Amino acid sequence: MLVVSHSNLYDAFFDHSAFSINTLARNIFLNKDVKQLVSKKYVELLENRILDKNQFQALITELFDQNRIVSIPPNNGSSLEDEYIHLSTTPLTNQPLTLSITLQEDNILEQKVANIFVLSKAKKPNIHWVIKELASKSSCTVNHFDFKTDSEIKFFIDSVIAIPKYIRQAQVFDREVSPKYKDKLKGFHIDYYTLGKGMPIIDLLDKKKEIRRALGGRLKLWYTKKTSIIHERKILFENIIITSDNSFNNIAISDPTWQLNIQYSPDDIAKWLSKCIDFIECK
């Protein structure tokens, strides 16, 4: 994932006090799944701000050596805040998952940067908490008891799907062909993988028509007759994986048996998609 880290996150990284917020900042910068979006000017302005120049240069060098620095041309502004806003609002080709993260609330900044994630607002299971967990640990888990209503569950899943600025392609693995909790994907290119054992092709075609009415005409339905090929319930998009340990149709307050895991993992995405060759397109 590509992260635009506010200067206060860099401040916390170089503050060696044993406060949880400083540990969190270090975990974000050291997470191998996180790349930092910068400009030459932003690095220069940060270096002027950080007291320990040697440690700052060592961090930038380490990120560069690990291919975890993405640099874009600078803005014409002169302040750290201006450059942060520039980095956060510049559209990037093929980088839909670009997260602007700050430690502290700032009403003016939050008005200028849409979808900025504020770590001080993180409280399970809100979206700021999800970003905190993904940026620092690449995964998080919620349970049925973390929610009070079905609408809260729906809002949570919708918010996770809305994390990327756009979605180029999504995949769904689900034995049941159902739009529940997937309607936020409507209109995107969706490959839906399901089980077709004991089901005539005419019934599968009916299910395809039904699910396309709900999720859009760009959806393709794929099936397998082998029960050993599909058991999981997953939604995959832009290297994010939502996994349910129960049917999506059973995710409700009235059914206290489920858990959702949210993970960022390009490697795991590739592994799950490697079995797509075992499915047949329904057409």
C-alpha atoms as a PDB file:
ATOM      1  CA  MET A   1       0.000   0.000   0.000  1.00  0.00           C
ATOM      2  CA  LEU A   2       1.160   3.527  -0.707  1.00  0.00           C
ATOM      3  CA  VAL A   3       1.072   5.900   2.265  1.00  0.00           C
ATOM      4  CA  VAL A   4       1.421   9.670   2.479  1.00  0.00           C
ATOM      5  CA  SER A   5       2.701  10.120   6.024  1.00  0.00           C
ATOM      6  CA  HIS A   6       2.114  13.494   7.669  1.00  0.00           C
ATOM      7  CA  SER A   7       5.119  15.155   9.292  1.00  0.00           C
ATOM      8  CA  ASN A   8       3.663  14.342  12.725  1.00  0.00           C
ATOM      9  CA  LEU A   9       4.072  10.649  11.883  1.00  0.00           C
ATOM     10  CA  TYR A  10       7.755  11.231  11.138  1.00  0.00           C
ATOM     11  CA  ASP A  11       8.060  13.167  14.408  1.00  0.00           C
ATOM     12  CA  ALA A  12       6.611  10.204  16.303  1.00  0.00           C
ATOM     13  CA  PHE A  13       8.932   7.762  14.516  1.00  0.00           C
ATOM     14  CA  PHE A  14      12.011   9.656  15.693  1.00  0.00           C
ATOM     15  CA  ASP A  15      10.678  10.191  19.210  1.00  0.00           C
ATOM     16  CA  HIS A  16      12.141   7.271  21.131  1.00  0.00           C
ATOM     17  CA  SER A  17       9.862   7.678  24.121  1.00  0.00           C
ATOM     18  CA  ALA A  18       8.001   4.499  24.999  1.00  0.00           C
ATOM     19  CA  PHE A  19       4.576   5.821  24.045  1.00  0.00           C
ATOM     20  CA  SER A  20       2.185   3.654  22.054  1.00  0.00           C
ATOM     21  CA  ILE A  21       1.777   6.300  19.348  1.00  0.00           C
ATOM     22  CA  ASN A  22       5.542   6.293  18.720  1.00  0.00           C
ATOM     23  CA  THR A  23       5.583   2.504  18.516  1.00  0.00           C
ATOM     24  CA  LEU A  24       2.681   2.689  16.069  1.00  0.00           C
ATOM     25  CA  ALA A  25       4.589   5.143  13.864  1.00  0.00           C
ATOM     26  CA  ARG A  26       7.635   2.873  13.839  1.00  0.00           C
ATOM     27  CA  ASN A  27       5.501  -0.147  12.942  1.00  0.00           C
ATOM     28  CA  ILE A  28       4.023   1.749   9.974  1.00  0.00           C
ATOM     29  CA  PHE A  29       7.394   2.844   8.609  1.00  0.00           C
ATOM     30  CA  LEU A  30       8.901  -0.623   9.124  1.00  0.00           C
ATOM     31  CA  ASN A  31       5.968  -2.554   7.632  1.00  0.00           C
ATOM     32  CA  LYS A  32       7.310  -4.224   4.477  1.00  0.00           C
ATOM     33  CA  ASP A  33       3.884  -3.865   2.821  1.00  0.00           C
ATOM     34  CA  VAL A  34       3.957  -0.061   3.115  1.00  0.00           C
ATOM     35  CA  LYS A  35       5.595   2.251   0.601  1.00  0.00           C
ATOM     36  CA  GLN A  36       6.005   5.958   1.365  1.00  0.00           C
ATOM     37  CA  LEU A  37       4.902   8.573  -1.166  1.00  0.00           C
ATOM     38  CA  VAL A  38       7.190  11.606  -1.132  1.00  0.00           C
ATOM     39  CA  SER A  39       8.595  14.344  -3.303  1.00  0.00           C
ATOM     40  CA  LYS A  40      12.127  15.722  -3.266  1.00  0.00           C
ATOM     41  CA  LYS A  41      10.818  18.888  -1.630  1.00  0.00           C
ATOM     42  CA  TYR A  42       8.886  16.957   1.028  1.00  0.00           C
ATOM     43  CA  VAL A  43      12.044  15.034   1.970  1.00  0.00           C
ATOM     44  CA  GLU A  44      14.049  18.266   2.145  1.00  0.00           C
ATOM     45  CA  LEU A  45      11.440  19.981   4.318  1.00  0.00           C
ATOM     46  CA  LEU A  46      11.247  16.963   6.613  1.00  0.00           C
ATOM     47  CA  GLU A  47      15.021  16.833   6.928  1.00  0.00           C
ATOM     48  CA  ASN A  48      15.055  20.494   8.004  1.00  0.00           C
ATOM     49  CA  ARG A  49      12.423  19.663  10.647  1.00  0.00           C
ATOM     50  CA  ILE A  50      13.924  16.468  12.106  1.00  0.00           C
ATOM     51  CA  LEU A  51      16.603  17.134  14.736  1.00  0.00           C
ATOM     52  CA  ASP A  52      18.598  13.967  14.104  1.00  0.00           C
ATOM     53  CA  LYS A  53      19.557  14.375  10.454  1.00  0.00           C
ATOM     54  CA  ASN A  54      21.619  11.185  10.380  1.00  0.00           C
ATOM     55  CA  GLN A  55      18.718   9.013  11.544  1.00  0.00           C
ATOM     56  CA  PHE A  56      16.366  10.640   9.058  1.00  0.00           C
ATOM     57  CA  GLN A  57      18.786  10.050   6.191  1.00  0.00           C
ATOM     58  CA  ALA A  58      19.228   6.450   7.344  1.00  0.00           C
ATOM     59  CA  LEU A  59      15.438   5.911   7.255  1.00  0.00           C
ATOM     60  CA  ILE A  60      15.100   7.351   3.747  1.00  0.00           C
ATOM     61  CA  THR A  61      18.061   5.280   2.540  1.00  0.00           C
ATOM     62  CA  GLU A  62      16.599   2.097   4.030  1.00  0.00           C
ATOM     63  CA  LEU A  63      13.207   2.751   2.432  1.00  0.00           C
ATOM     64  CA  PHE A  64      14.877   3.472  -0.900  1.00  0.00           C
ATOM     65  CA  ASP A  65      17.023   0.319  -0.726  1.00  0.00           C
ATOM     66  CA  GLN A  66      13.899  -1.751   0.004  1.00  0.00           C
ATOM     67  CA  ASN A  67      12.061  -0.178  -2.941  1.00  0.00           C
ATOM     68  CA  ARG A  68       9.575   1.364  -0.520  1.00  0.00           C
ATOM     69  CA  ILE A  69       9.852   4.959  -1.715  1.00  0.00           C
ATOM     70  CA  VAL A  70       7.676   6.393  -4.491  1.00  0.00           C
ATOM     71  CA  SER A  71       8.548   9.926  -5.537  1.00  0.00           C
ATOM     72  CA  ILE A  72       6.507  12.377  -7.588  1.00  0.00           C
ATOM     73  CA  PRO A  73       7.264  15.954  -8.752  1.00  0.00           C
ATOM     74  CA  PRO A  74       6.881  18.597  -6.017  1.00  0.00           C
ATOM     75  CA  ASN A  75       4.347  21.393  -5.668  1.00  0.00           C
ATOM     76  CA  ASN A  76       5.056  25.118  -5.917  1.00  0.00           C
ATOM     77  CA  GLY A  77       4.252  25.661  -2.233  1.00  0.00           C
ATOM     78  CA  SER A  78       6.881  26.205   0.416  1.00  0.00           C
ATOM     79  CA  SER A  79       5.525  24.508   3.551  1.00  0.00           C
ATOM     80  CA  LEU A  80       5.358  20.925   4.748  1.00  0.00           C
ATOM     81  CA  GLU A  81       1.581  21.185   4.968  1.00  0.00           C
ATOM     82  CA  ASP A  82       1.286  22.406   1.370  1.00  0.00           C
ATOM     83  CA  GLU A  83       3.489  19.582   0.131  1.00  0.00           C
ATOM     84  CA  TYR A  84       1.562  17.013   2.176  1.00  0.00           C
ATOM     85  CA  ILE A  85      -1.708  18.219   0.633  1.00  0.00           C
ATOM     86  CA  HIS A  86      -0.101  18.069  -2.820  1.00  0.00           C
ATOM     87  CA  LEU A  87       1.036  14.472  -2.262  1.00  0.00           C
ATOM     88  CA  SER A  88      -2.375  13.507  -0.887  1.00  0.00           C
ATOM     89  CA  THR A  89      -4.438  15.016  -3.692  1.00  0.00           C
ATOM     90  CA  THR A  90      -2.363  14.288  -6.809  1.00  0.00           C
ATOM     91  CA  PRO A  91      -4.023  11.508  -8.874  1.00  0.00           C
ATOM     92  CA  LEU A  92      -1.613   8.656  -9.514  1.00  0.00           C
ATOM     93  CA  THR A  93      -1.877   6.193 -12.404  1.00  0.00           C
ATOM     94  CA  ASN A  94      -2.199   2.564 -11.275  1.00  0.00           C
ATOM     95  CA  GLN A  95      -2.046   3.514  -7.582  1.00  0.00           C
ATOM     96  CA  PRO A  96      -5.650   3.228  -6.368  1.00  0.00           C
ATOM     97  CA  LEU A  97      -4.620   2.332  -2.812  1.00  0.00           C
ATOM     98  CA  THR A  98      -2.959   5.556  -1.675  1.00  0.00           C
ATOM     99  CA  LEU A  99      -3.629   6.367   1.977  1.00  0.00           C
ATOM    100  CA  SER A 100      -3.134   9.788   3.537  1.00  0.00           C
ATOM    101  CA  ILE A 101      -2.399   9.283   7.226  1.00  0.00           C
ATOM    102  CA  THR A 102      -1.994  11.777  10.057  1.00  0.00           C
ATOM    103  CA  LEU A 103      -1.723  11.288  13.798  1.00  0.00           C
ATOM    104  CA  GLN A 104      -3.876  14.170  14.991  1.00  0.00           C
ATOM    105  CA  GLU A 105      -7.198  15.717  14.126  1.00  0.00           C
ATOM    106  CA  ASP A 106      -7.008  18.910  12.064  1.00  0.00           C
ATOM    107  CA  ASN A 107     -10.299  20.256  10.749  1.00  0.00           C
ATOM    108  CA  ILE A 108      -8.700  22.484   8.111  1.00  0.00           C
ATOM    109  CA  LEU A 109      -6.473  19.680   6.804  1.00  0.00           C
ATOM    110  CA  GLU A 110      -9.366  17.221   6.802  1.00  0.00           C
ATOM    111  CA  GLN A 111     -11.384  19.637   4.673  1.00  0.00           C
ATOM    112  CA  LYS A 112      -8.573  19.888   2.118  1.00  0.00           C
ATOM    113  CA  VAL A 113      -7.713  16.168   1.917  1.00  0.00           C
ATOM    114  CA  ALA A 114     -10.636  13.860   1.199  1.00  0.00           C
ATOM    115  CA  ASN A 115     -10.533  10.464   2.909  1.00  0.00           C
ATOM    116  CA  ILE A 116      -7.662  11.354   5.202  1.00  0.00           C
ATOM    117  CA  PHE A 117      -7.216   8.775   7.961  1.00  0.00           C
ATOM    118  CA  VAL A 118      -6.602  10.101  11.469  1.00  0.00           C
ATOM    119  CA  LEU A 119      -4.938   7.669  13.844  1.00  0.00           C
ATOM    120  CA  SER A 120      -6.103   9.520  16.970  1.00  0.00           C
ATOM    121  CA  LYS A 121      -9.672   8.767  15.839  1.00  0.00           C
ATOM    122  CA  ALA A 122      -8.992   5.039  15.637  1.00  0.00           C
ATOM    123  CA  LYS A 123     -11.528   3.079  17.638  1.00  0.00           C
ATOM    124  CA  LYS A 124     -12.508  -0.476  16.814  1.00  0.00           C
ATOM    125  CA  PRO A 125     -14.246  -1.077  14.443  1.00  0.00           C
ATOM    126  CA  ASN A 126     -14.209   2.336  12.664  1.00  0.00           C
ATOM    127  CA  ILE A 127     -12.334   2.885   9.401  1.00  0.00           C
ATOM    128  CA  HIS A 128      -9.524   4.852  11.065  1.00  0.00           C
ATOM    129  CA  TRP A 129      -8.870   1.769  13.218  1.00  0.00           C
ATOM    130  CA  VAL A 130      -8.853  -0.459  10.117  1.00  0.00           C
ATOM    131  CA  ILE A 131      -6.257   1.774   8.441  1.00  0.00           C
ATOM    132  CA  LYS A 132      -4.172   1.864  11.631  1.00  0.00           C
ATOM    133  CA  GLU A 133      -4.139  -1.936  11.731  1.00  0.00           C
ATOM    134  CA  LEU A 134      -3.486  -2.409   7.998  1.00  0.00           C
ATOM    135  CA  ALA A 135      -0.710   0.190   7.870  1.00  0.00           C
ATOM    136  CA  SER A 136       1.048  -1.161  10.961  1.00  0.00           C
ATOM    137  CA  LYS A 137       0.287  -4.913  10.829  1.00  0.00           C
ATOM    138  CA  SER A 138      -1.298  -5.552   7.386  1.00  0.00           C
ATOM    139  CA  SER A 139      -4.371  -7.238   8.909  1.00  0.00           C
ATOM    140  CA  CYS A 140      -7.176  -6.906  11.435  1.00  0.00           C
ATOM    141  CA  THR A 141     -10.116  -8.941  12.692  1.00  0.00           C
ATOM    142  CA  VAL A 142     -13.623  -8.018  13.830  1.00  0.00           C
ATOM    143  CA  ASN A 143     -16.228 -10.213  15.475  1.00  0.00           C
ATOM    144  CA  HIS A 144     -20.009 -10.147  15.713  1.00  0.00           C
ATOM    145  CA  PHE A 145     -19.771  -8.602  19.191  1.00  0.00           C
ATOM    146  CA  ASP A 146     -17.943  -5.530  17.821  1.00  0.00           C
ATOM    147  CA  PHE A 147     -21.224  -4.303  16.293  1.00  0.00           C
ATOM    148  CA  LYS A 148     -24.599  -3.318  17.699  1.00  0.00           C
ATOM    149  CA  THR A 149     -26.751  -3.320  14.562  1.00  0.00           C
ATOM    150  CA  ASP A 150     -26.830  -4.845  11.083  1.00  0.00           C
ATOM    151  CA  SER A 151     -26.480  -1.351   9.613  1.00  0.00           C
ATOM    152  CA  GLU A 152     -23.184  -0.937  11.476  1.00  0.00           C
ATOM    153  CA  ILE A 153     -21.927  -4.179   9.917  1.00  0.00           C
ATOM    154  CA  LYS A 154     -22.994  -2.999   6.459  1.00  0.00           C
ATOM    155  CA  PHE A 155     -21.346   0.393   6.972  1.00  0.00           C
ATOM    156  CA  PHE A 156     -18.112  -1.295   8.102  1.00  0.00           C
ATOM    157  CA  ILE A 157     -17.847  -3.580   5.056  1.00  0.00           C
ATOM    158  CA  ASP A 158     -18.809  -0.748   2.683  1.00  0.00           C
ATOM    159  CA  SER A 159     -16.133   1.474   4.270  1.00  0.00           C
ATOM    160  CA  VAL A 160     -13.450  -1.179   3.783  1.00  0.00           C
ATOM    161  CA  ILE A 161     -14.402  -1.654   0.130  1.00  0.00           C
ATOM    162  CA  ALA A 162     -14.246   2.139  -0.284  1.00  0.00           C
ATOM    163  CA  ILE A 163     -10.649   2.397   0.985  1.00  0.00           C
ATOM    164  CA  PRO A 164      -9.106   2.426  -2.540  1.00  0.00           C
ATOM    165  CA  LYS A 165      -9.686   5.562  -4.606  1.00  0.00           C
ATOM    166  CA  TYR A 166     -11.005   3.246  -7.330  1.00  0.00           C
ATOM    167  CA  ILE A 167     -11.162  -0.500  -8.003  1.00  0.00           C
ATOM    168  CA  ARG A 168      -9.777  -1.869 -11.261  1.00  0.00           C
ATOM    169  CA  GLN A 169     -10.970  -5.416 -10.710  1.00  0.00           C
ATOM    170  CA  ALA A 170     -12.517  -7.436  -7.877  1.00  0.00           C
ATOM    171  CA  GLN A 171     -12.857 -11.147  -7.264  1.00  0.00           C
ATOM    172  CA  VAL A 172     -15.388 -12.941  -5.091  1.00  0.00           C
ATOM    173  CA  PHE A 173     -15.062 -16.530  -3.894  1.00  0.00           C
ATOM    174  CA  ASP A 174     -18.384 -17.717  -2.485  1.00  0.00           C
ATOM    175  CA  ARG A 175     -20.303 -20.987  -2.796  1.00  0.00           C
ATOM    176  CA  GLU A 176     -23.492 -18.952  -2.677  1.00  0.00           C
ATOM    177  CA  VAL A 177     -24.329 -16.503  -5.456  1.00  0.00           C
ATOM    178  CA  SER A 178     -25.562 -13.551  -3.427  1.00  0.00           C
ATOM    179  CA  PRO A 179     -25.056  -9.779  -3.579  1.00  0.00           C
ATOM    180  CA  LYS A 180     -25.243  -9.355   0.215  1.00  0.00           C
ATOM    181  CA  TYR A 181     -22.416  -7.086   1.456  1.00  0.00           C
ATOM    182  CA  LYS A 182     -21.030  -6.911  -2.080  1.00  0.00           C
ATOM    183  CA  ASP A 183     -23.205  -4.143  -3.546  1.00  0.00           C
ATOM    184  CA  LYS A 184     -20.460  -1.532  -2.960  1.00  0.00           C
ATOM    185  CA  LEU A 185     -18.673  -3.275  -5.852  1.00  0.00           C
ATOM    186  CA  LYS A 186     -21.547  -2.581  -8.246  1.00  0.00           C
ATOM    187  CA  GLY A 187     -20.376  -1.360 -11.637  1.00  0.00           C
ATOM    188  CA  PHE A 188     -16.799  -2.581 -11.269  1.00  0.00           C
ATOM    189  CA  HIS A 189     -15.302  -5.513 -13.163  1.00  0.00           C
ATOM    190  CA  ILE A 190     -16.098  -8.482 -10.896  1.00  0.00           C
ATOM    191  CA  ASP A 191     -15.096 -12.115 -11.344  1.00  0.00           C
ATOM    192  CA  TYR A 192     -17.441 -14.155  -9.154  1.00  0.00           C
ATOM    193  CA  TYR A 193     -16.286 -17.744  -8.425  1.00  0.00           C
ATOM    194  CA  THR A 194     -18.868 -20.186  -7.063  1.00  0.00           C
ATOM    195  CA  LEU A 195     -19.871 -23.850  -6.747  1.00  0.00           C
ATOM    196  CA  GLY A 196     -22.055 -25.348  -9.467  1.00  0.00           C
ATOM    197  CA  LYS A 197     -22.213 -28.964  -8.307  1.00  0.00           C
ATOM    198  CA  GLY A 198     -25.560 -30.630  -9.056  1.00  0.00           C
ATOM    199  CA  MET A 199     -26.810 -27.501 -10.791  1.00  0.00           C
ATOM    200  CA  PRO A 200     -27.931 -27.494 -14.462  1.00  0.00           C
ATOM    201  CA  ILE A 201     -26.367 -24.796 -16.620  1.00  0.00           C
ATOM    202  CA  ILE A 202     -29.787 -23.189 -17.078  1.00  0.00           C
ATOM    203  CA  ASP A 203     -29.966 -22.602 -13.311  1.00  0.00           C
ATOM    204  CA  LEU A 204     -26.475 -21.139 -13.280  1.00  0.00           C
ATOM    205  CA  LEU A 205     -27.427 -18.791 -16.101  1.00  0.00           C
ATOM    206  CA  ASP A 206     -30.447 -17.652 -14.079  1.00  0.00           C
ATOM    207  CA  LYS A 207     -28.180 -16.964 -11.099  1.00  0.00           C
ATOM    208  CA  LYS A 208     -25.829 -15.033 -13.367  1.00  0.00           C
ATOM    209  CA  LYS A 209     -28.695 -12.822 -14.586  1.00  0.00           C
ATOM    210  CA  GLU A 210     -29.853 -12.240 -11.025  1.00  0.00           C
ATOM    211  CA  ILE A 211     -26.432 -11.341  -9.646  1.00  0.00           C
ATOM    212  CA  ARG A 212     -25.669  -9.087 -12.622  1.00  0.00           C
ATOM    213  CA  ARG A 213     -28.880  -7.177 -11.975  1.00  0.00           C
ATOM    214  CA  ALA A 214     -27.624  -6.541  -8.450  1.00  0.00           C
ATOM    215  CA  LEU A 215     -23.909  -5.937  -9.095  1.00  0.00           C
ATOM    216  CA  GLY A 216     -23.764  -4.735 -12.703  1.00  0.00           C
ATOM    217  CA  GLY A 217     -23.218  -6.019 -16.216  1.00  0.00           C
ATOM    218  CA  ARG A 218     -19.424  -6.161 -15.922  1.00  0.00           C
ATOM    219  CA  LEU A 219     -19.696  -9.173 -13.606  1.00  0.00           C
ATOM    220  CA  LYS A 220     -18.579 -12.570 -14.888  1.00  0.00           C
ATOM    221  CA  LEU A 221     -19.754 -15.727 -13.151  1.00  0.00           C
ATOM    222  CA  TRP A 222     -17.373 -18.676 -12.925  1.00  0.00           C
ATOM    223  CA  TYR A 223     -18.164 -22.088 -11.459  1.00  0.00           C
ATOM    224  CA  THR A 224     -16.665 -25.442 -10.552  1.00  0.00           C
ATOM    225  CA  LYS A 225     -18.352 -28.787  -9.946  1.00  0.00           C
ATOM    226  CA  LYS A 226     -15.615 -29.798  -7.476  1.00  0.00           C
ATOM    227  CA  THR A 227     -16.432 -29.141  -3.823  1.00  0.00           C
ATOM    228  CA  SER A 228     -12.730 -29.394  -2.982  1.00  0.00           C
ATOM    229  CA  ILE A 229     -11.953 -26.309  -5.080  1.00  0.00           C
ATOM    230  CA  ILE A 230     -14.068 -23.753  -3.222  1.00  0.00           C
ATOM    231  CA  HIS A 231     -15.094 -23.451   0.385  1.00  0.00           C
ATOM    232  CA  GLU A 232     -13.878 -19.980   1.359  1.00  0.00           C
ATOM    233  CA  ARG A 233     -15.908 -16.750   1.395  1.00  0.00           C
ATOM    234  CA  LYS A 234     -13.673 -13.935   0.235  1.00  0.00           C
ATOM    235  CA  ILE A 235     -13.859 -10.544  -1.463  1.00  0.00           C
ATOM    236  CA  LEU A 236     -10.574  -9.486  -3.098  1.00  0.00           C
ATOM    237  CA  PHE A 237      -9.782  -6.036  -4.490  1.00  0.00           C
ATOM    238  CA  GLU A 238      -6.646  -3.922  -4.862  1.00  0.00           C
ATOM    239  CA  ASN A 239      -4.587  -6.305  -2.689  1.00  0.00           C
ATOM    240  CA  ILE A 240      -7.142  -6.203   0.128  1.00  0.00           C
ATOM    241  CA  ILE A 241      -8.862  -9.428   1.208  1.00  0.00           C
ATOM    242  CA  ILE A 242     -12.088  -9.579   3.218  1.00  0.00           C
ATOM    243  CA  THR A 243     -12.598 -13.091   4.601  1.00  0.00           C
ATOM    244  CA  SER A 244     -15.668 -14.360   6.412  1.00  0.00           C
ATOM    245  CA  ASP A 245     -15.662 -17.623   8.363  1.00  0.00           C
ATOM    246  CA  ASN A 246     -19.413 -17.931   7.770  1.00  0.00           C
ATOM    247  CA  SER A 247     -21.778 -17.362   4.863  1.00  0.00           C
ATOM    248  CA  PHE A 248     -22.133 -13.685   3.953  1.00  0.00           C
ATOM    249  CA  ASN A 249     -25.874 -14.265   4.235  1.00  0.00           C
ATOM    250  CA  ASN A 250     -25.377 -15.164   7.902  1.00  0.00           C
ATOM    251  CA  ILE A 251     -23.440 -12.057   8.851  1.00  0.00           C
ATOM    252  CA  ALA A 252     -25.955 -10.411  11.142  1.00  0.00           C
ATOM    253  CA  ILE A 253     -26.405  -9.434  14.774  1.00  0.00           C
ATOM    254  CA  SER A 254     -28.955 -12.226  15.144  1.00  0.00           C
ATOM    255  CA  ASP A 255     -26.343 -14.844  14.187  1.00  0.00           C
ATOM    256  CA  PRO A 256     -23.463 -14.564  16.716  1.00  0.00           C
ATOM    257  CA  THR A 257     -21.169 -17.072  15.009  1.00  0.00           C
ATOM    258  CA  TRP A 258     -19.024 -15.117  12.569  1.00  0.00           C
ATOM    259  CA  GLN A 259     -15.737 -13.289  12.270  1.00  0.00           C
ATOM    260  CA  LEU A 260     -14.325 -11.073   9.518  1.00  0.00           C
ATOM    261  CA  ASN A 261     -10.655 -10.707   8.700  1.00  0.00           C
ATOM    262  CA  ILE A 262      -9.305  -7.786   6.671  1.00  0.00           C
ATOM    263  CA  GLN A 263      -5.864  -8.295   5.167  1.00  0.00           C
ATOM    264  CA  TYR A 264      -3.517  -6.436   2.855  1.00  0.00           C
ATOM    265  CA  SER A 265      -1.351  -8.960   1.005  1.00  0.00           C
ATOM    266  CA  PRO A 266      -0.369  -8.896  -2.673  1.00  0.00           C
ATOM    267  CA  ASP A 267       1.312 -12.296  -2.187  1.00  0.00           C
ATOM    268  CA  ASP A 268      -1.803 -13.953  -0.768  1.00  0.00           C
ATOM    269  CA  ILE A 269      -3.981 -12.390  -3.471  1.00  0.00           C
ATOM    270  CA  ALA A 270      -1.761 -13.988  -6.123  1.00  0.00           C
ATOM    271  CA  LYS A 271      -1.979 -17.372  -4.393  1.00  0.00           C
ATOM    272  CA  TRP A 272      -5.782 -17.285  -4.178  1.00  0.00           C
ATOM    273  CA  LEU A 273      -6.105 -16.217  -7.802  1.00  0.00           C
ATOM    274  CA  SER A 274      -3.801 -18.996  -8.982  1.00  0.00           C
ATOM    275  CA  LYS A 275      -6.677 -21.487  -8.713  1.00  0.00           C
ATOM    276  CA  CYS A 276      -9.007 -19.476 -10.965  1.00  0.00           C
ATOM    277  CA  ILE A 277      -7.921 -21.639 -13.923  1.00  0.00           C
ATOM    278  CA  ASP A 278      -9.962 -24.472 -12.343  1.00  0.00           C
ATOM    279  CA  PHE A 279     -13.233 -22.591 -12.888  1.00  0.00           C
ATOM    280  CA  ILE A 280     -15.430 -22.446 -16.002  1.00  0.00           C
ATOM    281  CA  GLU A 281     -17.119 -19.257 -17.139  1.00  0.00           C
ATOM    282  CA  CYS A 282     -20.894 -19.421 -17.103  1.00  0.00           C
ATOM    283  CA  LYS A 283     -22.049 -18.222 -20.517  1.00  0.00           C
END
